[in-house]
Amino acid sequence: MMIAVGLCALLSLVQCVQTPMSVMTQARKAFRPLAAQSMRSCGVGLVAVTLLVLGTAPVLSIGGVVLSQLVMMLGIWQLDRKWRRDQRGAA
């Protein structure tokens, strides 16, 4: 139970960090790159959760979801950094 709560708390933390960047990316109308990042994240999540369910206790499959969200967060962070760099170059 403690593992599940810890993983869910970590998932919530990642989503809290990701959400503002995601909203700003949508506000910049960067829907296509955001969708591409979402697809990458989904692929990672499917593989991670499947492997964790097959190889470990099912409760650890939440770790696959956390990994998927980390991939999404880091991808959005890269999109945000690129946009900021481009804005500095255009100014």
PDB file of N, CA and C in Angstrom:
ATOM      1  N   MET A   1       0.822  -1.188   0.000  1.00  0.00           N
ATOM      2  CA  MET A   1       0.000   0.000   0.000  1.00  0.00           C
ATOM      3  C   MET A   1       0.868   1.255   0.000  1.00  0.00           C
ATOM      4  N   MET A   2       1.934   1.230   0.783  1.00  0.00           N
ATOM      5  CA  MET A   2       2.817   2.399   0.851  1.00  0.00           C
ATOM      6  C   MET A   2       3.498   2.659  -0.490  1.00  0.00           C
ATOM      7  N   ILE A   3       3.837   1.598  -1.195  1.00  0.00           N
ATOM      8  CA  ILE A   3       4.465   1.745  -2.507  1.00  0.00           C
ATOM      9  C   ILE A   3       3.482   2.407  -3.472  1.00  0.00           C
ATOM     10  N   ALA A   4       2.256   1.950  -3.473  1.00  0.00           N
ATOM     11  CA  ALA A   4       1.239   2.524  -4.367  1.00  0.00           C
ATOM     12  C   ALA A   4       1.012   3.997  -4.051  1.00  0.00           C
ATOM     13  N   VAL A   5       0.922   4.333  -2.784  1.00  0.00           N
ATOM     14  CA  VAL A   5       0.715   5.733  -2.393  1.00  0.00           C
ATOM     15  C   VAL A   5       1.909   6.579  -2.808  1.00  0.00           C
ATOM     16  N   GLY A   6       3.114   6.053  -2.590  1.00  0.00           N
ATOM     17  CA  GLY A   6       4.315   6.788  -2.977  1.00  0.00           C
ATOM     18  C   GLY A   6       4.396   7.028  -4.481  1.00  0.00           C
ATOM     19  N   LEU A   7       4.091   5.987  -5.252  1.00  0.00           N
ATOM     20  CA  LEU A   7       4.121   6.133  -6.711  1.00  0.00           C
ATOM     21  C   LEU A   7       3.039   7.096  -7.203  1.00  0.00           C
ATOM     22  N   CYS A   8       1.869   7.031  -6.596  1.00  0.00           N
ATOM     23  CA  CYS A   8       0.796   7.959  -6.975  1.00  0.00           C
ATOM     24  C   CYS A   8       1.156   9.392  -6.601  1.00  0.00           C
ATOM     25  N   ALA A   9       1.826   9.575  -5.470  1.00  0.00           N
ATOM     26  CA  ALA A   9       2.269  10.906  -5.074  1.00  0.00           C
ATOM     27  C   ALA A   9       3.314  11.434  -6.061  1.00  0.00           C
ATOM     28  N   LEU A  10       4.219  10.565  -6.472  1.00  0.00           N
ATOM     29  CA  LEU A  10       5.227  10.953  -7.462  1.00  0.00           C
ATOM     30  C   LEU A  10       4.568  11.311  -8.789  1.00  0.00           C
ATOM     31  N   LEU A  11       3.578  10.542  -9.191  1.00  0.00           N
ATOM     32  CA  LEU A  11       2.831  10.819 -10.408  1.00  0.00           C
ATOM     33  C   LEU A  11       2.157  12.188 -10.322  1.00  0.00           C
ATOM     34  N   SER A  12       1.562  12.479  -9.195  1.00  0.00           N
ATOM     35  CA  SER A  12       0.913  13.785  -9.009  1.00  0.00           C
ATOM     36  C   SER A  12       1.922  14.921  -9.077  1.00  0.00           C
ATOM     37  N   LEU A  13       3.083  14.722  -8.491  1.00  0.00           N
ATOM     38  CA  LEU A  13       4.129  15.740  -8.528  1.00  0.00           C
ATOM     39  C   LEU A  13       4.570  16.021  -9.962  1.00  0.00           C
ATOM     40  N   VAL A  14       4.803  14.967 -10.719  1.00  0.00           N
ATOM     41  CA  VAL A  14       5.222  15.126 -12.117  1.00  0.00           C
ATOM     42  C   VAL A  14       4.145  15.870 -12.906  1.00  0.00           C
ATOM     43  N   GLN A  15       2.893  15.521 -12.697  1.00  0.00           N
ATOM     44  CA  GLN A  15       1.806  16.180 -13.415  1.00  0.00           C
ATOM     45  C   GLN A  15       1.675  17.647 -13.014  1.00  0.00           C
ATOM     46  N   CYS A  16       1.930  17.953 -11.751  1.00  0.00           N
ATOM     47  CA  CYS A  16       1.880  19.351 -11.305  1.00  0.00           C
ATOM     48  C   CYS A  16       2.977  20.188 -11.962  1.00  0.00           C
ATOM     49  N   VAL A  17       4.143  19.592 -12.160  1.00  0.00           N
ATOM     50  CA  VAL A  17       5.234  20.299 -12.830  1.00  0.00           C
ATOM     51  C   VAL A  17       4.937  20.432 -14.325  1.00  0.00           C
ATOM     52  N   GLN A  18       4.363  19.398 -14.896  1.00  0.00           N
ATOM     53  CA  GLN A  18       4.115  19.354 -16.337  1.00  0.00           C
ATOM     54  C   GLN A  18       2.983  20.277 -16.782  1.00  0.00           C
ATOM     55  N   THR A  19       1.951  20.409 -16.006  1.00  0.00           N
ATOM     56  CA  THR A  19       0.737  21.101 -16.433  1.00  0.00           C
ATOM     57  C   THR A  19       0.964  22.549 -16.866  1.00  0.00           C
ATOM     58  N   PRO A  20       1.673  23.383 -16.097  1.00  0.00           N
ATOM     59  CA  PRO A  20       1.862  24.767 -16.567  1.00  0.00           C
ATOM     60  C   PRO A  20       2.602  24.846 -17.898  1.00  0.00           C
ATOM     61  N   MET A  21       3.624  24.006 -18.076  1.00  0.00           N
ATOM     62  CA  MET A  21       4.351  24.013 -19.348  1.00  0.00           C
ATOM     63  C   MET A  21       3.448  23.558 -20.488  1.00  0.00           C
ATOM     64  N   SER A  22       2.611  22.576 -20.220  1.00  0.00           N
ATOM     65  CA  SER A  22       1.699  22.074 -21.234  1.00  0.00           C
ATOM     66  C   SER A  22       0.691  23.148 -21.641  1.00  0.00           C
ATOM     67  N   VAL A  23       0.167  23.857 -20.656  1.00  0.00           N
ATOM     68  CA  VAL A  23      -0.799  24.926 -20.936  1.00  0.00           C
ATOM     69  C   VAL A  23      -0.150  26.017 -21.779  1.00  0.00           C
ATOM     70  N   MET A  24       1.066  26.393 -21.428  1.00  0.00           N
ATOM     71  CA  MET A  24       1.754  27.433 -22.201  1.00  0.00           C
ATOM     72  C   MET A  24       2.065  26.953 -23.626  1.00  0.00           C
ATOM     73  N   THR A  25       2.408  25.693 -23.760  1.00  0.00           N
ATOM     74  CA  THR A  25       2.666  25.142 -25.091  1.00  0.00           C
ATOM     75  C   THR A  25       1.393  25.171 -25.930  1.00  0.00           C
ATOM     76  N   GLN A  26       0.264  24.847 -25.325  1.00  0.00           N
ATOM     77  CA  GLN A  26      -1.010  24.921 -26.042  1.00  0.00           C
ATOM     78  C   GLN A  26      -1.362  26.364 -26.381  1.00  0.00           C
ATOM     79  N   ALA A  27      -1.065  27.289 -25.487  1.00  0.00           N
ATOM     80  CA  ALA A  27      -1.362  28.701 -25.741  1.00  0.00           C
ATOM     81  C   ALA A  27      -0.553  29.234 -26.921  1.00  0.00           C
ATOM     82  N   ARG A  28       0.630  28.659 -27.137  1.00  0.00           N
ATOM     83  CA  ARG A  28       1.464  29.062 -28.286  1.00  0.00           C
ATOM     84  C   ARG A  28       1.033  28.353 -29.568  1.00  0.00           C
ATOM     85  N   LYS A  29      -0.044  27.576 -29.470  1.00  0.00           N
ATOM     86  CA  LYS A  29      -0.600  26.836 -30.608  1.00  0.00           C
ATOM     87  C   LYS A  29       0.379  25.800 -31.172  1.00  0.00           C
ATOM     88  N   ALA A  30       1.164  25.203 -30.298  1.00  0.00           N
ATOM     89  CA  ALA A  30       2.114  24.166 -30.702  1.00  0.00           C
ATOM     90  C   ALA A  30       1.474  22.791 -30.487  1.00  0.00           C
ATOM     91  N   PHE A  31       0.311  22.611 -31.100  1.00  0.00           N
ATOM     92  CA  PHE A  31      -0.444  21.378 -30.878  1.00  0.00           C
ATOM     93  C   PHE A  31       0.230  20.160 -31.495  1.00  0.00           C
ATOM     94  N   ARG A  32       0.790  20.319 -32.672  1.00  0.00           N
ATOM     95  CA  ARG A  32       1.405  19.177 -33.361  1.00  0.00           C
ATOM     96  C   ARG A  32       2.618  18.631 -32.580  1.00  0.00           C
ATOM     97  N   PRO A  33       3.566  19.494 -32.161  1.00  0.00           N
ATOM     98  CA  PRO A  33       4.682  18.964 -31.360  1.00  0.00           C
ATOM     99  C   PRO A  33       4.219  18.366 -30.025  1.00  0.00           C
ATOM    100  N   LEU A  34       3.201  18.963 -29.440  1.00  0.00           N
ATOM    101  CA  LEU A  34       2.671  18.453 -28.183  1.00  0.00           C
ATOM    102  C   LEU A  34       2.033  17.077 -28.393  1.00  0.00           C
ATOM    103  N   ALA A  35       1.319  16.917 -29.485  1.00  0.00           N
ATOM    104  CA  ALA A  35       0.705  15.620 -29.805  1.00  0.00           C
ATOM    105  C   ALA A  35       1.777  14.567 -30.093  1.00  0.00           C
ATOM    106  N   ALA A  36       2.840  14.962 -30.787  1.00  0.00           N
ATOM    107  CA  ALA A  36       3.933  14.021 -31.068  1.00  0.00           C
ATOM    108  C   ALA A  36       4.586  13.569 -29.769  1.00  0.00           C
ATOM    109  N   GLN A  37       4.786  14.499 -28.856  1.00  0.00           N
ATOM    110  CA  GLN A  37       5.368  14.144 -27.570  1.00  0.00           C
ATOM    111  C   GLN A  37       4.434  13.221 -26.791  1.00  0.00           C
ATOM    112  N   SER A  38       3.164  13.468 -26.886  1.00  0.00           N
ATOM    113  CA  SER A  38       2.181  12.621 -26.215  1.00  0.00           C
ATOM    114  C   SER A  38       2.230  11.192 -26.756  1.00  0.00           C
ATOM    115  N   MET A  39       2.399  11.050 -28.052  1.00  0.00           N
ATOM    116  CA  MET A  39       2.486   9.716 -28.661  1.00  0.00           C
ATOM    117  C   MET A  39       3.740   8.983 -28.192  1.00  0.00           C
ATOM    118  N   ARG A  40       4.873   9.702 -28.107  1.00  0.00           N
ATOM    119  CA  ARG A  40       6.100   9.081 -27.600  1.00  0.00           C
ATOM    120  C   ARG A  40       5.896   8.613 -26.160  1.00  0.00           C
ATOM    121  N   SER A  41       5.312   9.476 -25.370  1.00  0.00           N
ATOM    122  CA  SER A  41       5.057   9.158 -23.965  1.00  0.00           C
ATOM    123  C   SER A  41       4.142   7.942 -23.841  1.00  0.00           C
ATOM    124  N   CYS A  42       3.141   7.879 -24.676  1.00  0.00           N
ATOM    125  CA  CYS A  42       2.195   6.764 -24.660  1.00  0.00           C
ATOM    126  C   CYS A  42       2.907   5.449 -24.984  1.00  0.00           C
ATOM    127  N   GLY A  43       3.777   5.472 -25.980  1.00  0.00           N
ATOM    128  CA  GLY A  43       4.541   4.275 -26.336  1.00  0.00           C
ATOM    129  C   GLY A  43       5.416   3.796 -25.194  1.00  0.00           C
ATOM    130  N   VAL A  44       6.108   4.739 -24.569  1.00  0.00           N
ATOM    131  CA  VAL A  44       6.948   4.392 -23.412  1.00  0.00           C
ATOM    132  C   VAL A  44       6.090   3.796 -22.294  1.00  0.00           C
ATOM    133  N   GLY A  45       4.945   4.413 -22.044  1.00  0.00           N
ATOM    134  CA  GLY A  45       4.058   3.936 -20.986  1.00  0.00           C
ATOM    135  C   GLY A  45       3.540   2.534 -21.247  1.00  0.00           C
ATOM    136  N   LEU A  46       3.125   2.269 -22.474  1.00  0.00           N
ATOM    137  CA  LEU A  46       2.619   0.934 -22.812  1.00  0.00           C
ATOM    138  C   LEU A  46       3.674  -0.140 -22.588  1.00  0.00           C
ATOM    139  N   VAL A  47       4.885   0.131 -23.062  1.00  0.00           N
ATOM    140  CA  VAL A  47       5.962  -0.848 -22.902  1.00  0.00           C
ATOM    141  C   VAL A  47       6.317  -1.008 -21.430  1.00  0.00           C
ATOM    142  N   ALA A  48       6.477   0.109 -20.716  1.00  0.00           N
ATOM    143  CA  ALA A  48       6.886   0.048 -19.310  1.00  0.00           C
ATOM    144  C   ALA A  48       5.853  -0.667 -18.446  1.00  0.00           C
ATOM    145  N   VAL A  49       4.598  -0.309 -18.612  1.00  0.00           N
ATOM    146  CA  VAL A  49       3.549  -0.948 -17.797  1.00  0.00           C
ATOM    147  C   VAL A  49       3.452  -2.438 -18.124  1.00  0.00           C
ATOM    148  N   THR A  50       3.522  -2.777 -19.390  1.00  0.00           N
ATOM    149  CA  THR A  50       3.452  -4.198 -19.779  1.00  0.00           C
ATOM    150  C   THR A  50       4.597  -4.987 -19.155  1.00  0.00           C
ATOM    151  N   LEU A  51       5.808  -4.462 -19.258  1.00  0.00           N
ATOM    152  CA  LEU A  51       6.958  -5.172 -18.699  1.00  0.00           C
ATOM    153  C   LEU A  51       6.871  -5.274 -17.180  1.00  0.00           C
ATOM    154  N   LEU A  52       6.419  -4.205 -16.542  1.00  0.00           N
ATOM    155  CA  LEU A  52       6.306  -4.242 -15.089  1.00  0.00           C
ATOM    156  C   LEU A  52       5.219  -5.213 -14.618  1.00  0.00           C
ATOM    157  N   VAL A  53       4.113  -5.262 -15.328  1.00  0.00           N
ATOM    158  CA  VAL A  53       3.047  -6.201 -14.951  1.00  0.00           C
ATOM    159  C   VAL A  53       3.507  -7.639 -15.141  1.00  0.00           C
ATOM    160  N   LEU A  54       4.243  -7.884 -16.215  1.00  0.00           N
ATOM    161  CA  LEU A  54       4.704  -9.243 -16.490  1.00  0.00           C
ATOM    162  C   LEU A  54       5.852  -9.673 -15.581  1.00  0.00           C
ATOM    163  N   GLY A  55       6.655  -8.705 -15.139  1.00  0.00           N
ATOM    164  CA  GLY A  55       7.863  -9.073 -14.415  1.00  0.00           C
ATOM    165  C   GLY A  55       7.878  -8.787 -12.928  1.00  0.00           C
ATOM    166  N   THR A  56       6.931  -8.007 -12.443  1.00  0.00           N
ATOM    167  CA  THR A  56       6.959  -7.633 -11.026  1.00  0.00           C
ATOM    168  C   THR A  56       5.541  -7.676 -10.456  1.00  0.00           C
ATOM    169  N   ALA A  57       5.429  -7.182  -9.255  1.00  0.00           N
ATOM    170  CA  ALA A  57       4.104  -7.083  -8.631  1.00  0.00           C
ATOM    171  C   ALA A  57       3.272  -6.048  -9.386  1.00  0.00           C
ATOM    172  N   PRO A  58       2.003  -6.312  -9.590  1.00  0.00           N
ATOM    173  CA  PRO A  58       1.156  -5.381 -10.358  1.00  0.00           C
ATOM    174  C   PRO A  58       1.141  -3.950  -9.824  1.00  0.00           C
ATOM    175  N   VAL A  59       1.312  -3.774  -8.526  1.00  0.00           N
ATOM    176  CA  VAL A  59       1.286  -2.423  -7.970  1.00  0.00           C
ATOM    177  C   VAL A  59       2.428  -1.577  -8.545  1.00  0.00           C
ATOM    178  N   LEU A  60       3.516  -2.219  -8.920  1.00  0.00           N
ATOM    179  CA  LEU A  60       4.647  -1.472  -9.473  1.00  0.00           C
ATOM    180  C   LEU A  60       4.377  -0.968 -10.887  1.00  0.00           C
ATOM    181  N   SER A  61       3.293  -1.429 -11.496  1.00  0.00           N
ATOM    182  CA  SER A  61       2.958  -0.932 -12.835  1.00  0.00           C
ATOM    183  C   SER A  61       2.671   0.574 -12.815  1.00  0.00           C
ATOM    184  N   ILE A  62       2.343   1.099 -11.650  1.00  0.00           N
ATOM    185  CA  ILE A  62       2.153   2.549 -11.528  1.00  0.00           C
ATOM    186  C   ILE A  62       3.461   3.254 -11.884  1.00  0.00           C
ATOM    187  N   GLY A  63       4.570   2.585 -11.625  1.00  0.00           N
ATOM    188  CA  GLY A  63       5.875   3.132 -12.003  1.00  0.00           C
ATOM    189  C   GLY A  63       5.993   3.340 -13.508  1.00  0.00           C
ATOM    190  N   GLY A  64       5.363   2.491 -14.292  1.00  0.00           N
ATOM    191  CA  GLY A  64       5.355   2.668 -15.742  1.00  0.00           C
ATOM    192  C   GLY A  64       4.598   3.913 -16.150  1.00  0.00           C
ATOM    193  N   VAL A  65       3.516   4.190 -15.447  1.00  0.00           N
ATOM    194  CA  VAL A  65       2.742   5.404 -15.718  1.00  0.00           C
ATOM    195  C   VAL A  65       3.569   6.629 -15.329  1.00  0.00           C
ATOM    196  N   VAL A  66       4.272   6.531 -14.201  1.00  0.00           N
ATOM    197  CA  VAL A  66       5.152   7.631 -13.774  1.00  0.00           C
ATOM    198  C   VAL A  66       6.226   7.863 -14.826  1.00  0.00           C
ATOM    199  N   LEU A  67       6.833   6.795 -15.320  1.00  0.00           N
ATOM    200  CA  LEU A  67       7.863   6.926 -16.362  1.00  0.00           C
ATOM    201  C   LEU A  67       7.294   7.590 -17.603  1.00  0.00           C
ATOM    202  N   SER A  68       6.107   7.180 -18.000  1.00  0.00           N
ATOM    203  CA  SER A  68       5.446   7.774 -19.159  1.00  0.00           C
ATOM    204  C   SER A  68       5.239   9.279 -18.962  1.00  0.00           C
ATOM    205  N   GLN A  69       4.788   9.666 -17.792  1.00  0.00           N
ATOM    206  CA  GLN A  69       4.565  11.085 -17.516  1.00  0.00           C
ATOM    207  C   GLN A  69       5.876  11.857 -17.433  1.00  0.00           C
ATOM    208  N   LEU A  70       6.931  11.213 -16.940  1.00  0.00           N
ATOM    209  CA  LEU A  70       8.249  11.860 -16.931  1.00  0.00           C
ATOM    210  C   LEU A  70       8.726  12.128 -18.353  1.00  0.00           C
ATOM    211  N   VAL A  71       8.524  11.153 -19.236  1.00  0.00           N
ATOM    212  CA  VAL A  71       8.892  11.336 -20.648  1.00  0.00           C
ATOM    213  C   VAL A  71       8.102  12.512 -21.234  1.00  0.00           C
ATOM    214  N   MET A  72       6.815  12.574 -20.929  1.00  0.00           N
ATOM    215  CA  MET A  72       5.975  13.670 -21.407  1.00  0.00           C
ATOM    216  C   MET A  72       6.457  15.003 -20.851  1.00  0.00           C
ATOM    217  N   MET A  73       6.728  15.050 -19.551  1.00  0.00           N
ATOM    218  CA  MET A  73       7.172  16.286 -18.919  1.00  0.00           C
ATOM    219  C   MET A  73       8.490  16.763 -19.519  1.00  0.00           C
ATOM    220  N   LEU A  74       9.442  15.859 -19.681  1.00  0.00           N
ATOM    221  CA  LEU A  74      10.735  16.249 -20.241  1.00  0.00           C
ATOM    222  C   LEU A  74      10.609  16.694 -21.692  1.00  0.00           C
ATOM    223  N   GLY A  75       9.735  16.042 -22.438  1.00  0.00           N
ATOM    224  CA  GLY A  75       9.504  16.463 -23.826  1.00  0.00           C
ATOM    225  C   GLY A  75       8.891  17.846 -23.912  1.00  0.00           C
ATOM    226  N   ILE A  76       7.932  18.135 -23.056  1.00  0.00           N
ATOM    227  CA  ILE A  76       7.315  19.463 -23.040  1.00  0.00           C
ATOM    228  C   ILE A  76       8.332  20.494 -22.584  1.00  0.00           C
ATOM    229  N   TRP A  77       9.168  20.124 -21.625  1.00  0.00           N
ATOM    230  CA  TRP A  77      10.219  21.021 -21.155  1.00  0.00           C
ATOM    231  C   TRP A  77      11.167  21.371 -22.299  1.00  0.00           C
ATOM    232  N   GLN A  78      11.518  20.378 -23.132  1.00  0.00           N
ATOM    233  CA  GLN A  78      12.369  20.642 -24.294  1.00  0.00           C
ATOM    234  C   GLN A  78      11.667  21.561 -25.291  1.00  0.00           C
ATOM    235  N   LEU A  79      10.389  21.342 -25.534  1.00  0.00           N
ATOM    236  CA  LEU A  79       9.633  22.221 -26.429  1.00  0.00           C
ATOM    237  C   LEU A  79       9.641  23.649 -25.897  1.00  0.00           C
ATOM    238  N   ASP A  80       9.456  23.784 -24.593  1.00  0.00           N
ATOM    239  CA  ASP A  80       9.445  25.100 -23.960  1.00  0.00           C
ATOM    240  C   ASP A  80      10.805  25.774 -24.079  1.00  0.00           C
ATOM    241  N   ARG A  81      11.870  25.038 -23.825  1.00  0.00           N
ATOM    242  CA  ARG A  81      13.227  25.607 -23.941  1.00  0.00           C
ATOM    243  C   ARG A  81      13.513  26.047 -25.371  1.00  0.00           C
ATOM    244  N   LYS A  82      13.114  25.232 -26.345  1.00  0.00           N
ATOM    245  CA  LYS A  82      13.344  25.581 -27.753  1.00  0.00           C
ATOM    246  C   LYS A  82      12.585  26.857 -28.106  1.00  0.00           C
ATOM    247  N   TRP A  83      11.347  26.966 -27.673  1.00  0.00           N
ATOM    248  CA  TRP A  83      10.558  28.154 -27.965  1.00  0.00           C
ATOM    249  C   TRP A  83      11.197  29.394 -27.346  1.00  0.00           C
ATOM    250  N   ARG A  84      11.645  29.270 -26.096  1.00  0.00           N
ATOM    251  CA  ARG A  84      12.295  30.409 -25.431  1.00  0.00           C
ATOM    252  C   ARG A  84      13.585  30.812 -26.125  1.00  0.00           C
ATOM    253  N   ARG A  85      14.363  29.821 -26.547  1.00  0.00           N
ATOM    254  CA  ARG A  85      15.602  30.099 -27.281  1.00  0.00           C
ATOM    255  C   ARG A  85      15.301  30.811 -28.597  1.00  0.00           C
ATOM    256  N   ASP A  86      14.268  30.349 -29.299  1.00  0.00           N
ATOM    257  CA  ASP A  86      13.870  30.975 -30.562  1.00  0.00           C
ATOM    258  C   ASP A  86      13.399  32.399 -30.351  1.00  0.00           C
ATOM    259  N   GLN A  87      12.701  32.637 -29.236  1.00  0.00           N
ATOM    260  CA  GLN A  87      12.214  33.986 -28.941  1.00  0.00           C
ATOM    261  C   GLN A  87      13.364  34.934 -28.644  1.00  0.00           C
ATOM    262  N   ARG A  88      14.381  34.455 -27.940  1.00  0.00           N
ATOM    263  CA  ARG A  88      15.554  35.290 -27.661  1.00  0.00           C
ATOM    264  C   ARG A  88      16.309  35.597 -28.959  1.00  0.00           C
ATOM    265  N   GLY A  89      16.368  34.617 -29.854  1.00  0.00           N
ATOM    266  CA  GLY A  89      17.066  34.822 -31.127  1.00  0.00           C
ATOM    267  C   GLY A  89      16.325  35.797 -32.037  1.00  0.00           C
ATOM    268  N   ALA A  90      14.983  35.830 -31.938  1.00  0.00           N
ATOM    269  CA  ALA A  90      14.183  36.700 -32.796  1.00  0.00           C
ATOM    270  C   ALA A  90      14.173  38.141 -32.273  1.00  0.00           C
ATOM    271  N   ALA A  91      14.506  38.320 -31.016  1.00  0.00           N
ATOM    272  CA  ALA A  91      14.448  39.667 -30.405  1.00  0.00           C
ATOM    273  C   ALA A  91      15.683  40.487 -30.664  1.00  0.00           C
TER     274      ALA A  91
END
